[in-house]
Amino acid sequence: MTPDPLPHSDLVRKRQRSRALVLALILGAFVILVFAISIAKIKAGMPH
């Protein structure tokens, strides 16, 4: 059996970091989407 190139804790930390990055990107995209929809609704409600 060959030893792992990374210790177990480093592997877990690497997975947590990548998962946190993906979650942050999804959350950021959601915030931008809500902001864009809000701006569109405000502009649609205003008379020209």
Protein backbone atom coordinates (compact mmCIF):
# COMPACT_ATOMS: atom_id res chain seq x y z
CA MET A 1 0.00 0.00 0.00
CA THR A 2 1.40 3.40 -0.96
CA PRO A 3 1.15 6.31 1.46
CA ASP A 4 -1.09 9.24 0.56
CA PRO A 5 0.76 12.26 -0.85
CA LEU A 6 -1.19 14.53 1.52
CA PRO A 7 -1.92 13.84 5.18
CA HIS A 8 -5.58 13.31 6.02
CA SER A 9 -6.05 16.72 7.66
CA ASP A 10 -4.57 18.56 4.66
CA LEU A 11 -6.88 16.69 2.32
CA VAL A 12 -9.92 17.57 4.43
CA ARG A 13 -8.80 21.20 4.64
CA LYS A 14 -8.33 21.35 0.85
CA ARG A 15 -11.83 19.95 0.27
CA GLN A 16 -13.35 22.39 2.78
CA ARG A 17 -11.59 25.32 1.11
CA SER A 18 -12.81 24.34 -2.36
CA ARG A 19 -16.36 23.77 -1.07
CA ALA A 20 -16.33 27.15 0.69
CA LEU A 21 -15.12 28.84 -2.50
CA VAL A 22 -17.90 27.28 -4.58
CA LEU A 23 -20.49 28.24 -1.96
CA ALA A 24 -19.17 31.82 -1.86
CA LEU A 25 -19.39 32.09 -5.65
CA ILE A 26 -22.96 30.74 -5.67
CA LEU A 27 -23.97 33.11 -2.87
CA GLY A 28 -22.36 36.06 -4.65
CA ALA A 29 -24.16 35.19 -7.89
CA PHE A 30 -27.46 34.99 -6.00
CA VAL A 31 -26.91 38.41 -4.41
CA ILE A 32 -26.10 39.96 -7.82
CA LEU A 33 -29.20 38.32 -9.33
CA VAL A 34 -31.49 39.65 -6.58
CA PHE A 35 -29.93 43.11 -6.94
CA ALA A 36 -30.40 43.09 -10.73
CA ILE A 37 -34.03 41.98 -10.42
CA SER A 38 -34.69 44.71 -7.84
CA ILE A 39 -33.19 47.38 -10.10
CA ALA A 40 -35.24 46.11 -13.06
CA LYS A 41 -38.46 46.21 -11.01
CA ILE A 42 -37.73 49.73 -9.74
CA LYS A 43 -37.03 50.96 -13.27
CA ALA A 44 -40.15 49.25 -14.64
CA GLY A 45 -42.31 50.98 -12.01
CA MET A 46 -41.02 54.46 -12.79
CA PRO A 47 -42.74 56.60 -15.44
CA HIS A 48 -40.49 57.58 -18.35
